[in-house]
Protein backbone atom coordinates (compact mmCIF):
# COMPACT_ATOMS: atom_id res chain seq x y z
CA GLN A 1 -2.98 16.32 -12.21
CA VAL A 2 -1.70 13.20 -10.51
CA GLN A 3 -4.00 11.43 -8.05
CA LEU A 4 -3.51 8.38 -5.96
CA VAL A 5 -6.64 7.50 -4.17
CA GLU A 6 -6.55 4.68 -1.51
CA SER A 7 -9.49 2.72 -0.34
CA GLY A 8 -10.42 -0.33 1.68
CA GLY A 9 -9.13 0.63 5.15
CA GLY A 10 -11.32 0.27 8.27
CA LEU A 11 -11.63 -1.70 11.46
CA VAL A 12 -10.73 -5.34 11.49
CA GLN A 13 -10.20 -7.90 14.27
CA ALA A 14 -6.84 -9.60 14.85
CA GLY A 15 -6.45 -12.57 12.53
CA GLY A 16 -8.69 -11.10 9.80
CA SER A 17 -8.17 -9.84 6.47
CA LEU A 18 -8.41 -6.62 4.57
CA ARG A 19 -7.58 -5.59 1.06
CA LEU A 20 -6.43 -2.08 0.30
CA SER A 21 -6.60 -0.58 -3.25
CA CYS A 22 -5.02 2.43 -4.60
CA ALA A 23 -6.27 3.83 -7.99
CA ALA A 24 -3.77 6.06 -9.97
CA SER A 25 -4.71 8.72 -12.51
CA GLY A 26 -2.45 11.42 -14.19
CA ILE A 27 0.56 9.11 -14.65
CA ILE A 28 1.64 6.23 -16.95
CA PHE A 29 0.85 3.71 -14.33
CA SER A 30 2.70 0.82 -15.99
CA ILE A 31 6.13 2.46 -15.92
CA TYR A 32 6.03 3.45 -12.10
CA ASP A 33 7.18 1.46 -9.23
CA MET A 34 4.35 1.25 -6.79
CA GLY A 35 4.49 0.91 -2.93
CA TRP A 36 2.62 0.75 0.33
CA TYR A 37 3.81 2.56 3.42
CA ARG A 38 2.38 3.05 6.79
CA GLN A 39 2.57 5.30 9.71
CA ALA A 40 1.53 4.57 13.18
CA PRO A 41 0.87 7.31 15.81
CA GLY A 42 4.27 8.78 17.11
CA LYS A 43 6.33 6.65 14.62
CA GLN A 44 7.95 7.45 11.28
CA ARG A 45 6.49 6.33 8.05
CA GLU A 46 7.81 2.93 7.02
CA LEU A 47 7.87 0.72 4.09
CA VAL A 48 5.34 -2.14 3.88
CA ALA A 49 5.73 -3.50 0.31
CA THR A 50 6.80 -2.47 -3.16
CA ILE A 51 6.17 -3.74 -6.59
CA THR A 52 8.18 -2.64 -9.48
CA SER A 53 7.03 -1.78 -13.03
CA GLY A 54 8.29 -5.31 -13.76
CA SER A 55 6.22 -6.80 -11.02
CA ARG A 56 9.06 -7.73 -8.64
CA THR A 57 7.97 -7.53 -5.09
CA ASN A 58 9.63 -6.60 -1.77
CA TYR A 59 8.26 -6.82 1.72
CA ALA A 60 9.07 -5.52 5.20
CA ASP A 61 10.16 -8.39 7.43
CA SER A 62 7.19 -7.60 9.69
CA VAL A 63 4.57 -8.48 6.89
CA LYS A 64 6.27 -11.27 4.96
CA GLY A 65 4.14 -14.24 4.64
CA ARG A 66 0.98 -12.27 5.66
CA PHE A 67 0.74 -9.40 3.09
CA THR A 68 0.70 -9.53 -0.69
CA ILE A 69 1.17 -6.56 -3.00
CA SER A 70 -0.24 -6.76 -6.62
CA ARG A 71 -0.97 -4.57 -9.49
CA ASP A 72 -3.27 -4.38 -12.34
CA ASN A 73 -2.00 -2.11 -14.99
CA ALA A 74 -5.20 -2.34 -16.98
CA LYS A 75 -7.01 -0.69 -14.08
CA ASN A 76 -4.13 1.54 -12.98
CA THR A 77 -4.56 0.02 -9.58
CA VAL A 78 -2.20 -1.52 -6.95
CA TYR A 79 -3.45 -3.70 -4.07
CA LEU A 80 -2.36 -4.84 -0.72
CA GLN A 81 -3.94 -8.00 0.45
CA MET A 82 -3.50 -8.08 4.29
CA ASN A 83 -4.09 -11.51 5.92
CA ASN A 84 -3.62 -12.54 9.59
CA VAL A 85 -3.49 -8.88 10.65
CA LYS A 86 -2.10 -7.94 14.13
CA PRO A 87 -2.84 -4.99 16.30
CA GLU A 88 0.67 -3.74 15.45
CA ASP A 89 -0.50 -3.42 11.84
CA THR A 90 -2.60 -0.37 13.00
CA ALA A 91 -1.59 2.55 11.02
CA VAL A 92 -2.35 4.93 8.24
CA TYR A 93 -1.57 3.32 5.02
CA TYR A 94 -0.24 5.43 2.09
CA CYS A 95 0.17 4.51 -1.57
CA ASN A 96 3.21 5.72 -3.36
CA ALA A 97 4.14 5.90 -7.01
CA ASP A 98 7.82 6.32 -7.96
CA HIS A 99 9.73 6.66 -11.15
CA TYR A 100 13.51 7.39 -11.36
CA ARG A 101 13.15 10.23 -13.84
CA ARG A 102 9.56 11.56 -13.27
CA GLY A 103 9.56 11.74 -9.48
CA GLY A 104 7.26 10.37 -6.87
CA PHE A 105 3.71 10.89 -5.60
CA TRP A 106 1.77 10.01 -2.49
CA GLY A 107 -1.86 9.27 -1.68
CA GLN A 108 -3.73 10.78 1.09
CA GLY A 109 -3.72 7.65 3.25
CA THR A 110 -6.40 5.20 4.52
CA GLN A 111 -6.74 4.20 8.11
CA VAL A 112 -6.40 0.58 9.19
CA THR A 113 -7.31 -0.26 12.80
CA VAL A 114 -6.75 -3.91 14.15
CA SER A 115 -8.62 -4.70 17.18
CA SER A 116 -7.27 -7.34 19.74
């Protein structure tokens, strides 16, 4: 079955860095668009960054210049490098895999907490 397993979350001080990873299995990783989303308490889930199967990237305005999404098709893994984090980045971060014909899948989420 399809599994997306996030890792790398934790507690970090404002201004610090964190790298999230999402390892995928059960899908042909290279043909899927991948993304990171986040959900803060009491708020809706929102897009953070996406990377297409062709490695085109897109970012939410709130993270542009601070976060970088990348993928390694050989390792079936997508990454989110988070630099200069802010308290408002605190949320559960979810990995998403999406294909226009094969559908989409979500990981279980990883908590990121930024202390001020």
